[in-house]
Amino acid sequence: MERVYITTPIFYANAEPHLGSSYTMVITDTLARYYRAQGCETFYLTGTDEHGDKIAQVAAEAGVPPKEFTDRVSAAFRNIWDDCGITYDYFIRTTDAHHVRFVQEVLSRVYDSGDIYFDKYGGLYCFGCERFYTEKELRDGKCPDHLVEPTLIEEENYFFRMGKYQDRLREHIESHPAFIRPEGYRNEVLGMLREPIGDLCISRPKSRLTWGIEIPFDNRYVTYVWFDALINYVSALKQKGDEFLQKFWPEAQHFIGKDIVKAHGVFWPTMLMAAGLPLYKHLNVHGFWTVEGQKMSKSLGNTVAPLEVRARIGMDAFRYFLLRESVFGQDPDFRNESLVNRYNTDLANNLGNLVSRVLAMQQKYFNGVVQPLSSEWAMEDKQLRDKFAQAENDLNGYMAELQFHRALEGVWSALDHANRYIVQTAPFTMVKDPAKQVRVGEVLHHLLEVVRTVSRLLGPFMPDTAKELRALLNLDEATAALSAQWGQCFAPGHKVNGAKNLFPRIETDAKK
């Protein structure tokens, strides 16, 4: 893979980030860091969706104009992602002038081709979803997401001939099995396409809503928020030039939550077809986090704020928990007990303890100076090296399949092997025998290679920890990142730093 374009959904600017949006950002940031480390040219996009009924309503309740309100919320998203170390390349807002121009350009293009028409329509409208529902889509007569009865609205609007592209889209999905991942969501979209999808209302009259992008061919209307928001994935590239667009768009990897599958799996590809643009490469859909078995809700007071968790256990530990505790595409559960167990068992006891023991022995026995390796390695040394080589090979395969938890399981399996290697070789016992000093130095050299390799493998997942490990080893990033060089990275006389408690245990009430 030479390049990749990674996008998050643009988050609706009516409230600040929570666990769900944090999970999306951790997933995409991990992938972006991984691909950059592989030498892949990467462009990583996020941003905020700022138009529509809900924004206008919340801004009115706050007593401020919509633009002032979205300025504030959009800045909050950006500040939180920056504080969390998210390495996005571009942050787009749908109020950006270049985006507004491009949306109007696409609307004009599709209108001129005959795929937009004017008609009168009556339907059941959910203001929370900002969309019309059919009777079949409702649950007991209510919106399935907001559990409120929709409002019957009859008005004149502009419509996109979405149904015209239904068969073409279905054929594309059937012939490209990985177009939508995981498979369950692909099947969900195919199920939608087996029924008539109809056409899409893409305007709102200014008599009802003024906060939106004006329709270029009729100033009485603004653009439906989805026909505005989805275009951000292309407008972000377009504003960097046509060459940039042509280079990255064919490699687009969208990441979304399961609640917006229809918009991204049906609305968006048909819009692209009508605009004469290629389809994205993959639509990757993740599940929803629950908290202690319950759906997150402000009314229940169980929302999880990323900065609060970061302040408690550190951002890297939070990232590790989200990636290790979830299976991409499924609905994971955030439990405080699981968070503490993962932290204490995997990070404090396993990784942290191993690093501390190795560096402490290196300081105590050799004043931190790395000892040379002989030309002949013991069987257990080769097995240790091979275990980490296998972990890296497996990690690459799992990352291609978005199996972040399996990638981390492989690294921790190798760490378990390294801890057994310490017990097996027992350098703390051998050091008592002067005749075995050389062997002690070799064993610790191999264990320092473990720490170096872990710093490289965990770089995309736990970037701050990887940086700390490099500092403890007294290696620059380039040297530490050398792969397939086990035993060749520590120059003669190289001195590592002393031990550090990377992950202090969290004491539970039972231990107090």
Protein backbone atom coordinates (compact mmCIF):
# COMPACT_ATOMS: atom_id res chain seq x y z
CA MET A 1 0.00 0.00 0.00
CA GLU A 2 1.58 3.26 -1.14
CA ARG A 3 -0.95 5.65 0.36
CA VAL A 4 -4.10 5.69 2.44
CA TYR A 5 -6.84 8.25 3.13
CA ILE A 6 -8.42 7.76 6.56
CA THR A 7 -11.59 9.62 7.53
CA THR A 8 -13.71 9.80 10.65
CA PRO A 9 -17.33 10.88 10.52
CA ILE A 10 -17.49 14.62 11.04
CA PHE A 11 -18.96 14.92 14.50
CA TYR A 12 -22.18 16.81 15.01
CA ALA A 13 -21.41 20.10 16.74
CA ASN A 14 -24.24 20.03 19.25
CA ALA A 15 -22.28 18.51 22.17
CA GLU A 16 -18.70 17.79 23.20
CA PRO A 17 -16.86 14.47 22.57
CA HIS A 18 -17.73 11.32 24.52
CA LEU A 19 -16.58 7.69 24.62
CA GLY A 20 -18.06 6.80 21.22
CA SER A 21 -16.33 9.60 19.33
CA SER A 22 -13.13 8.97 21.32
CA TYR A 23 -13.17 5.33 20.21
CA THR A 24 -13.47 6.36 16.56
CA MET A 25 -10.53 8.73 16.97
CA VAL A 26 -8.33 6.17 18.75
CA ILE A 27 -9.01 3.58 16.03
CA THR A 28 -8.25 5.97 13.18
CA ASP A 29 -5.25 7.55 14.89
CA THR A 30 -3.79 4.10 15.54
CA LEU A 31 -4.19 3.18 11.88
CA ALA A 32 -2.73 6.48 10.70
CA ARG A 33 0.31 6.02 12.93
CA TYR A 34 0.67 2.41 11.78
CA TYR A 35 0.60 3.27 8.09
CA ARG A 36 3.01 6.16 8.52
CA ALA A 37 5.42 3.82 10.30
CA GLN A 38 5.13 1.46 7.31
CA GLY A 39 6.24 4.29 5.01
CA CYS A 40 2.76 4.71 3.56
CA GLU A 41 1.78 8.22 2.50
CA THR A 42 -1.14 9.00 4.79
CA PHE A 43 -3.83 11.68 4.96
CA TYR A 44 -6.05 11.61 8.03
CA LEU A 45 -9.23 13.71 8.19
CA THR A 46 -11.67 14.62 10.94
CA GLY A 47 -13.90 17.59 11.66
CA THR A 48 -17.33 18.83 12.64
CA ASP A 49 -20.76 18.81 10.98
CA GLU A 50 -22.30 22.21 11.73
CA HIS A 51 -25.56 22.76 9.85
CA GLY A 52 -29.14 21.60 10.29
CA ASP A 53 -32.18 21.66 12.54
CA LYS A 54 -30.51 20.31 15.67
CA ILE A 55 -27.72 22.89 15.62
CA ALA A 56 -30.18 25.72 15.08
CA GLN A 57 -32.32 24.44 17.95
CA VAL A 58 -29.48 23.94 20.44
CA ALA A 59 -27.95 27.31 19.55
CA ALA A 60 -31.31 29.01 20.10
CA GLU A 61 -31.62 27.32 23.48
CA ALA A 62 -28.14 28.62 24.34
CA GLY A 63 -29.18 32.11 23.24
CA VAL A 64 -26.40 32.52 20.67
CA PRO A 65 -26.29 32.56 16.83
CA PRO A 66 -25.60 29.13 15.25
CA LYS A 67 -22.16 30.14 13.93
CA GLU A 68 -21.04 31.37 17.34
CA PHE A 69 -22.30 28.16 18.91
CA THR A 70 -20.57 25.90 16.38
CA ASP A 71 -17.36 27.91 16.68
CA ARG A 72 -17.34 27.05 20.36
CA VAL A 73 -18.21 23.35 20.03
CA SER A 74 -15.92 22.78 17.05
CA ALA A 75 -13.04 24.32 19.01
CA ALA A 76 -13.84 22.00 21.92
CA PHE A 77 -13.55 18.95 19.65
CA ARG A 78 -10.28 20.14 18.21
CA ASN A 79 -8.81 21.02 21.61
CA ILE A 80 -9.76 17.65 23.10
CA TRP A 81 -8.32 15.70 20.17
CA ASP A 82 -5.12 17.77 20.40
CA ASP A 83 -4.91 17.19 24.16
CA CYS A 84 -5.35 13.45 23.52
CA GLY A 85 -2.49 13.43 21.00
CA ILE A 86 -4.61 12.61 17.94
CA THR A 87 -2.48 13.12 14.83
CA TYR A 88 -5.09 14.15 12.25
CA ASP A 89 -3.74 15.97 9.21
CA TYR A 90 -6.74 18.19 8.56
CA PHE A 91 -9.76 19.35 10.56
CA ILE A 92 -12.68 20.32 8.37
CA ARG A 93 -15.78 22.30 9.31
CA THR A 94 -18.86 22.33 7.10
CA THR A 95 -18.99 26.10 7.61
CA ASP A 96 -15.59 26.44 5.89
CA ALA A 97 -15.92 28.62 2.79
CA HIS A 98 -14.17 26.11 0.52
CA HIS A 99 -16.55 23.36 1.64
CA VAL A 100 -19.63 25.54 1.05
CA ARG A 101 -18.43 26.35 -2.48
CA PHE A 102 -17.75 22.71 -3.30
CA VAL A 103 -21.15 21.54 -2.01
CA GLN A 104 -22.81 24.10 -4.26
CA GLU A 105 -20.61 23.01 -7.16
CA VAL A 106 -21.67 19.37 -6.70
CA LEU A 107 -25.33 20.36 -6.39
CA SER A 108 -25.13 22.35 -9.61
CA ARG A 109 -23.39 19.48 -11.39
CA VAL A 110 -26.00 16.93 -10.34
CA TYR A 111 -28.85 19.37 -11.06
CA ASP A 112 -27.53 20.11 -14.55
CA SER A 113 -27.34 16.37 -15.27
CA GLY A 114 -31.06 16.03 -14.53
CA ASP A 115 -30.68 14.04 -11.31
CA ILE A 116 -32.28 16.70 -9.10
CA TYR A 117 -35.95 17.66 -9.51
CA PHE A 118 -38.58 19.76 -7.71
CA ASP A 119 -41.70 18.16 -6.26
CA LYS A 120 -44.25 18.27 -3.47
CA TYR A 121 -43.84 15.72 -0.72
CA GLY A 122 -45.55 14.70 2.47
CA GLY A 123 -43.85 12.48 4.98
CA LEU A 124 -42.99 11.62 8.57
CA TYR A 125 -40.04 13.72 9.69
CA CYS A 126 -37.81 13.19 12.73
CA PHE A 127 -36.14 16.46 13.72
CA GLY A 128 -33.58 14.60 15.83
CA CYS A 129 -32.41 12.53 12.82
CA GLU A 130 -33.16 15.34 10.35
CA ARG A 131 -34.67 12.89 7.91
CA PHE A 132 -37.99 11.52 6.65
CA TYR A 133 -39.04 8.01 7.66
CA THR A 134 -41.33 5.52 6.01
CA GLU A 135 -43.93 3.71 8.12
CA LYS A 136 -41.90 0.51 7.70
CA GLU A 137 -38.79 2.08 9.21
CA LEU A 138 -40.56 3.21 12.39
CA ARG A 139 -40.67 1.13 15.55
CA ASP A 140 -44.14 1.13 17.10
CA GLY A 141 -44.80 4.33 15.19
CA LYS A 142 -41.71 6.04 16.61
CA CYS A 143 -38.24 6.95 15.37
CA PRO A 144 -36.05 3.91 16.19
CA ASP A 145 -33.21 6.14 17.44
CA HIS A 146 -35.00 8.90 19.35
CA LEU A 147 -38.15 6.93 20.29
CA VAL A 148 -40.43 9.88 19.50
CA GLU A 149 -43.27 10.03 17.02
CA PRO A 150 -42.18 11.82 13.84
CA THR A 151 -43.96 14.95 12.61
CA LEU A 152 -46.07 14.82 9.47
CA ILE A 153 -44.68 17.46 7.11
CA GLU A 154 -45.96 18.35 3.65
CA GLU A 155 -43.94 20.80 1.59
CA GLU A 156 -42.25 21.43 -1.74
CA ASN A 157 -38.62 20.43 -1.95
CA TYR A 158 -35.81 19.33 -4.24
CA PHE A 159 -35.15 15.61 -4.63
CA PHE A 160 -32.13 13.61 -5.73
CA ARG A 161 -32.85 10.66 -8.06
CA MET A 162 -31.20 8.21 -5.68
CA GLY A 163 -33.28 5.27 -6.88
CA LYS A 164 -31.75 5.63 -10.34
CA TYR A 165 -28.44 4.32 -8.95
CA GLN A 166 -29.82 1.55 -6.75
CA ASP A 167 -29.06 -1.40 -9.03
CA ARG A 168 -25.62 -0.08 -9.90
CA LEU A 169 -24.75 0.29 -6.21
CA ARG A 170 -26.03 -3.18 -5.33
CA GLU A 171 -23.98 -4.70 -8.14
CA HIS A 172 -20.87 -2.88 -6.91
CA ILE A 173 -21.29 -4.11 -3.34
CA GLU A 174 -21.92 -7.68 -4.49
CA SER A 175 -18.83 -7.67 -6.68
CA HIS A 176 -16.63 -6.00 -4.02
CA PRO A 177 -17.10 -8.05 -0.82
CA ALA A 178 -14.80 -5.80 1.25
CA PHE A 179 -16.49 -2.56 0.18
CA ILE A 180 -18.36 -2.47 3.51
CA ARG A 181 -16.75 -4.09 6.56
CA PRO A 182 -17.53 -6.11 8.70
CA GLU A 183 -19.70 -8.41 6.61
CA GLY A 184 -22.78 -7.97 8.79
CA TYR A 185 -23.06 -4.30 7.84
CA ARG A 186 -22.51 -5.16 4.18
CA ASN A 187 -25.46 -7.52 4.42
CA GLU A 188 -27.49 -4.82 6.13
CA VAL A 189 -26.94 -2.41 3.25
CA LEU A 190 -27.67 -5.11 0.67
CA GLY A 191 -30.91 -5.75 2.52
CA MET A 192 -31.82 -2.08 2.13
CA LEU A 193 -31.05 -2.26 -1.59
CA ARG A 194 -33.33 -5.26 -2.15
CA GLU A 195 -36.28 -2.96 -1.45
CA PRO A 196 -37.05 0.24 -3.40
CA ILE A 197 -34.99 3.04 -1.84
CA GLY A 198 -36.83 5.85 -3.59
CA ASP A 199 -35.42 9.32 -4.04
CA LEU A 200 -33.80 11.55 -1.43
CA CYS A 201 -35.17 14.93 -0.33
CA ILE A 202 -32.08 17.18 -0.38
CA SER A 203 -33.45 20.60 0.53
CA ARG A 204 -35.20 22.38 3.37
CA PRO A 205 -37.29 25.53 2.81
CA LYS A 206 -35.90 28.65 4.45
CA SER A 207 -39.35 29.23 5.87
CA ARG A 208 -38.54 26.32 8.20
CA LEU A 209 -34.74 26.35 8.39
CA THR A 210 -32.19 28.99 7.44
CA TRP A 211 -29.06 27.46 9.01
CA GLY A 212 -27.57 25.59 6.06
CA ILE A 213 -25.85 25.94 2.69
CA GLU A 214 -28.04 27.75 0.22
CA ILE A 215 -29.17 25.75 -2.82
CA PRO A 216 -27.28 27.38 -5.73
CA PHE A 217 -30.20 27.21 -8.15
CA ASP A 218 -32.95 28.35 -5.73
CA ASN A 219 -32.25 30.81 -2.90
CA ARG A 220 -35.50 29.88 -1.14
CA TYR A 221 -33.90 26.64 0.08
CA VAL A 222 -30.91 25.35 2.03
CA THR A 223 -29.22 21.97 1.54
CA TYR A 224 -30.23 18.88 3.49
CA VAL A 225 -27.58 18.35 6.13
CA TRP A 226 -26.48 14.92 4.85
CA PHE A 227 -26.02 16.13 1.27
CA ASP A 228 -23.83 18.82 2.80
CA ALA A 229 -21.91 16.77 5.40
CA LEU A 230 -21.02 13.72 3.33
CA ILE A 231 -19.31 15.85 0.70
CA ASN A 232 -16.67 16.86 3.26
CA TYR A 233 -14.68 13.71 2.47
CA VAL A 234 -14.05 15.03 -1.03
CA SER A 235 -14.02 18.78 -0.33
CA ALA A 236 -11.19 18.34 2.18
CA LEU A 237 -9.02 16.87 -0.58
CA LYS A 238 -10.31 19.22 -3.27
CA GLN A 239 -9.21 22.31 -1.38
CA LYS A 240 -5.64 20.98 -1.55
CA GLY A 241 -5.85 20.77 -5.34
CA ASP A 242 -7.05 18.38 -8.02
CA GLU A 243 -3.78 16.44 -8.00
CA PHE A 244 -4.10 15.83 -4.26
CA LEU A 245 -7.71 14.73 -4.74
CA GLN A 246 -6.84 12.30 -7.52
CA LYS A 247 -3.97 10.88 -5.49
CA PHE A 248 -5.83 10.16 -2.25
CA TRP A 249 -9.52 9.73 -3.05
CA PRO A 250 -9.17 6.23 -4.60
CA GLU A 251 -7.64 5.09 -1.28
CA ALA A 252 -10.44 6.44 0.94
CA GLN A 253 -11.15 4.43 4.09
CA HIS A 254 -14.23 5.75 5.91
CA PHE A 255 -14.70 4.89 9.60
CA ILE A 256 -18.16 5.37 11.09
CA GLY A 257 -20.47 4.20 13.86
CA LYS A 258 -23.24 1.78 13.02
CA ASP A 259 -26.01 4.39 13.38
CA ILE A 260 -25.03 6.15 10.14
CA VAL A 261 -24.62 3.12 7.88
CA LYS A 262 -27.52 4.06 5.59
CA ALA A 263 -26.22 7.56 4.97
CA HIS A 264 -22.71 6.33 4.17
CA GLY A 265 -23.63 3.03 2.54
CA VAL A 266 -26.56 4.22 0.39
CA PHE A 267 -26.84 8.04 0.21
CA TRP A 268 -23.12 8.71 -0.20
CA PRO A 269 -22.17 6.22 -2.94
CA THR A 270 -25.21 7.15 -5.04
CA MET A 271 -24.29 10.82 -4.64
CA LEU A 272 -20.77 10.03 -5.84
CA MET A 273 -22.13 8.17 -8.84
CA ALA A 274 -24.36 11.10 -9.78
CA ALA A 275 -21.45 13.53 -9.38
CA GLY A 276 -19.22 11.41 -11.62
CA LEU A 277 -16.77 10.59 -8.84
CA PRO A 278 -15.25 7.17 -8.03
CA LEU A 279 -16.55 5.32 -5.00
CA TYR A 280 -14.55 5.13 -1.79
CA LYS A 281 -12.44 2.02 -1.14
CA HIS A 282 -13.88 0.81 2.18
CA LEU A 283 -16.65 1.71 4.58
CA ASN A 284 -15.55 0.42 8.01
CA VAL A 285 -18.32 0.27 10.62
CA HIS A 286 -17.80 -0.05 14.36
CA GLY A 287 -20.30 -0.80 17.09
CA PHE A 288 -21.49 1.25 20.07
CA TRP A 289 -19.92 1.26 23.50
CA THR A 290 -22.20 0.65 26.43
CA VAL A 291 -21.24 1.61 30.00
CA GLU A 292 -21.65 -1.05 32.68
CA GLY A 293 -24.09 -2.81 30.36
CA GLN A 294 -26.24 0.27 29.72
CA LYS A 295 -26.54 2.60 26.74
CA MET A 296 -24.67 5.86 27.34
CA SER A 297 -27.05 8.67 28.26
CA LYS A 298 -26.73 12.12 29.78
CA SER A 299 -29.94 11.49 31.69
CA LEU A 300 -28.40 8.38 33.25
CA GLY A 301 -25.20 10.27 34.01
CA ASN A 302 -23.03 7.47 32.59
CA THR A 303 -21.23 9.25 29.77
CA VAL A 304 -17.44 8.78 29.69
CA ALA A 305 -15.34 11.88 29.02
CA PRO A 306 -11.97 11.10 27.39
CA LEU A 307 -10.02 13.76 29.29
CA GLU A 308 -11.31 12.48 32.63
CA VAL A 309 -10.12 8.94 31.86
CA ARG A 310 -6.82 10.30 30.58
CA ALA A 311 -6.33 12.24 33.81
CA ARG A 312 -6.97 9.08 35.80
CA ILE A 313 -4.84 6.46 34.03
CA GLY A 314 -3.05 8.25 31.19
CA MET A 315 -3.97 8.45 27.52
CA ASP A 316 -1.95 5.42 26.47
CA ALA A 317 -3.65 3.18 29.02
CA PHE A 318 -7.03 4.50 27.83
CA ARG A 319 -6.07 3.77 24.21
CA TYR A 320 -4.91 0.28 25.14
CA PHE A 321 -8.17 -0.49 26.94
CA LEU A 322 -10.36 0.71 24.04
CA LEU A 323 -8.40 -1.27 21.46
CA ARG A 324 -7.85 -4.44 23.49
CA GLU A 325 -11.30 -4.66 25.05
CA SER A 326 -13.26 -4.28 21.80
CA VAL A 327 -13.77 -6.33 18.66
CA PHE A 328 -14.18 -4.03 15.67
CA GLY A 329 -17.77 -4.04 14.47
CA GLN A 330 -19.24 -5.40 17.71
CA ASP A 331 -20.70 -3.53 20.70
CA PRO A 332 -18.12 -3.44 23.52
CA ASP A 333 -18.86 -2.57 27.15
CA PHE A 334 -16.95 -0.06 29.25
CA ARG A 335 -16.70 -1.35 32.80
CA ASN A 336 -14.57 0.25 35.48
CA GLU A 337 -13.59 -3.16 36.85
CA SER A 338 -12.37 -4.25 33.40
CA LEU A 339 -10.47 -1.00 32.97
CA VAL A 340 -8.63 -1.49 36.27
CA ASN A 341 -7.96 -5.18 35.58
CA ARG A 342 -6.54 -4.47 32.12
CA TYR A 343 -4.36 -1.71 33.53
CA ASN A 344 -3.02 -3.70 36.48
CA THR A 345 -2.63 -7.05 34.75
CA ASP A 346 -1.47 -6.14 31.25
CA LEU A 347 0.27 -2.81 31.77
CA ALA A 348 1.53 -2.71 35.36
CA ASN A 349 2.25 -6.40 36.00
CA ASN A 350 3.25 -7.55 32.51
CA LEU A 351 4.75 -4.77 30.40
CA GLY A 352 5.71 -2.37 33.17
CA ASN A 353 7.22 -5.01 35.44
CA LEU A 354 9.24 -6.55 32.62
CA VAL A 355 10.76 -3.22 31.59
CA SER A 356 11.52 -2.31 35.19
CA ARG A 357 13.20 -5.66 35.95
CA VAL A 358 15.34 -5.64 32.83
CA LEU A 359 16.61 -2.08 33.25
CA ALA A 360 17.17 -2.56 36.97
CA MET A 361 19.32 -5.65 36.34
CA GLN A 362 21.21 -3.87 33.56
CA GLN A 363 22.07 -1.03 35.91
CA LYS A 364 22.90 -3.23 38.85
CA TYR A 365 25.06 -5.77 37.02
CA PHE A 366 26.71 -3.65 34.29
CA ASN A 367 26.15 -0.03 35.28
CA GLY A 368 23.73 0.29 32.34
CA VAL A 369 26.29 -0.64 29.66
CA VAL A 370 24.92 -3.10 27.09
CA GLN A 371 27.09 -6.21 26.82
CA PRO A 372 28.00 -7.80 23.46
CA LEU A 373 26.40 -10.90 22.01
CA SER A 374 28.40 -13.92 20.99
CA SER A 375 28.19 -15.25 17.45
CA GLU A 376 26.38 -18.36 18.69
CA TRP A 377 23.02 -17.91 20.38
CA ALA A 378 21.37 -20.35 22.72
CA MET A 379 18.15 -21.98 21.58
CA GLU A 380 16.08 -19.98 24.06
CA ASP A 381 17.55 -16.73 22.66
CA LYS A 382 16.52 -17.64 19.12
CA GLN A 383 13.07 -18.65 20.31
CA LEU A 384 12.65 -15.27 22.03
CA ARG A 385 13.63 -13.40 18.87
CA ASP A 386 11.39 -15.59 16.72
CA LYS A 387 8.43 -15.07 19.04
CA PHE A 388 8.60 -11.32 18.54
CA ALA A 389 9.15 -11.72 14.80
CA GLN A 390 5.97 -13.81 14.69
CA ALA A 391 4.11 -11.19 16.76
CA GLU A 392 5.09 -8.51 14.24
CA ASN A 393 4.09 -10.66 11.28
CA ASP A 394 0.73 -11.43 12.88
CA LEU A 395 0.23 -7.78 13.81
CA ASN A 396 0.57 -6.70 10.18
CA GLY A 397 -2.05 -9.21 9.11
CA TYR A 398 -4.45 -8.25 11.90
CA MET A 399 -4.13 -4.53 11.19
CA ALA A 400 -5.15 -5.12 7.57
CA GLU A 401 -8.28 -6.82 8.91
CA LEU A 402 -8.95 -4.13 11.59
CA GLN A 403 -8.49 -6.70 14.35
CA PHE A 404 -6.77 -4.36 16.77
CA HIS A 405 -7.44 -6.61 19.77
CA ARG A 406 -5.77 -9.58 18.06
CA ALA A 407 -2.75 -7.49 17.12
CA LEU A 408 -2.29 -6.50 20.77
CA GLU A 409 -2.92 -10.06 21.96
CA GLY A 410 0.02 -11.15 19.81
CA VAL A 411 2.34 -8.57 21.36
CA TRP A 412 1.27 -9.54 24.87
CA SER A 413 1.75 -13.20 24.08
CA ALA A 414 5.33 -12.35 23.14
CA LEU A 415 5.69 -10.38 26.39
CA ASP A 416 4.51 -13.44 28.31
CA HIS A 417 7.20 -15.42 26.51
CA ALA A 418 9.80 -12.80 27.51
CA ASN A 419 8.77 -13.03 31.15
CA ARG A 420 9.12 -16.84 30.97
CA TYR A 421 12.54 -16.34 29.35
CA ILE A 422 13.63 -14.37 32.42
CA VAL A 423 12.54 -17.21 34.68
CA GLN A 424 14.11 -19.81 32.39
CA THR A 425 17.51 -18.11 32.08
CA ALA A 426 17.49 -16.69 35.64
CA PRO A 427 20.11 -13.93 35.18
CA PHE A 428 19.57 -12.91 38.83
CA THR A 429 20.90 -16.34 39.84
CA MET A 430 23.62 -16.69 37.20
CA VAL A 431 25.16 -13.36 38.18
CA LYS A 432 26.33 -14.92 41.45
CA ASP A 433 28.70 -17.14 39.45
CA PRO A 434 31.67 -15.14 38.04
CA ALA A 435 32.04 -17.70 35.25
CA LYS A 436 28.57 -16.86 33.95
CA GLN A 437 28.92 -13.07 33.72
CA VAL A 438 29.16 -13.14 29.92
CA ARG A 439 25.97 -15.15 29.65
CA VAL A 440 24.17 -12.74 31.98
CA GLY A 441 25.20 -9.89 29.70
CA GLU A 442 23.88 -11.77 26.65
CA VAL A 443 20.55 -12.54 28.30
CA LEU A 444 20.05 -8.91 29.26
CA HIS A 445 21.04 -7.80 25.76
CA HIS A 446 18.27 -9.98 24.34
CA LEU A 447 15.83 -8.59 26.89
CA LEU A 448 16.77 -5.04 25.91
CA GLU A 449 15.96 -6.05 22.35
CA VAL A 450 12.56 -7.11 23.66
CA VAL A 451 12.01 -3.63 25.08
CA ARG A 452 13.18 -2.01 21.83
CA THR A 453 10.95 -4.22 19.71
CA VAL A 454 7.99 -3.55 21.96
CA SER A 455 8.58 0.19 21.62
CA ARG A 456 8.33 -0.22 17.86
CA LEU A 457 5.32 -2.56 17.79
CA LEU A 458 3.35 -0.49 20.30
CA GLY A 459 4.15 2.83 18.62
CA PRO A 460 0.81 3.10 16.78
CA PHE A 461 -1.21 1.87 19.77
CA MET A 462 0.57 3.51 22.70
CA PRO A 463 2.72 6.31 21.26
CA ASP A 464 3.70 7.97 24.55
CA THR A 465 4.76 4.65 26.05
CA ALA A 466 6.81 3.86 22.95
CA LYS A 467 8.55 7.21 23.31
CA GLU A 468 9.28 6.55 26.99
CA LEU A 469 10.71 3.13 26.19
CA ARG A 470 13.05 4.67 23.61
CA ALA A 471 14.16 7.23 26.19
CA LEU A 472 14.85 4.52 28.75
CA LEU A 473 16.92 2.65 26.17
CA ASN A 474 18.69 5.89 25.26
CA LEU A 475 17.88 5.36 21.58
CA ASP A 476 16.70 7.85 19.01
CA GLU A 477 13.52 7.03 17.11
CA ALA A 478 15.31 6.00 13.91
CA THR A 479 17.59 3.50 15.66
CA ALA A 480 14.82 2.10 17.82
CA ALA A 481 12.62 1.63 14.75
CA LEU A 482 15.08 -0.61 12.92
CA SER A 483 13.32 -3.87 12.17
CA ALA A 484 14.89 -7.26 11.50
CA GLN A 485 18.04 -6.07 13.26
CA TRP A 486 17.77 -7.99 16.52
CA GLY A 487 21.13 -7.83 18.24
CA GLN A 488 22.56 -5.10 16.00
CA CYS A 489 21.05 -1.87 17.35
CA PHE A 490 23.08 -1.32 20.51
CA ALA A 491 26.53 -0.04 19.59
CA PRO A 492 29.55 -1.16 21.69
CA GLY A 493 29.56 0.74 24.97
CA HIS A 494 25.95 1.89 24.64
CA LYS A 495 24.47 2.76 28.02
CA VAL A 496 20.77 2.55 28.86
CA ASN A 497 18.99 4.53 31.55
CA GLY A 498 17.70 3.35 34.89
CA ALA A 499 14.38 1.67 35.64
CA LYS A 500 11.13 3.60 35.81
CA ASN A 501 7.68 2.65 37.01
CA LEU A 502 5.75 3.19 33.78
CA PHE A 503 2.37 2.04 35.09
CA PRO A 504 1.89 2.40 38.85
CA ARG A 505 -0.72 -0.08 40.00
CA ILE A 506 -4.23 1.12 40.69
CA GLU A 507 -5.10 0.01 44.19
CA THR A 508 -8.68 -1.19 44.42
CA ASP A 509 -10.84 -0.92 47.53
CA ALA A 510 -10.19 -4.60 48.29
CA LYS A 511 -6.46 -3.93 48.54
CA LYS A 512 -6.66 -0.81 50.66
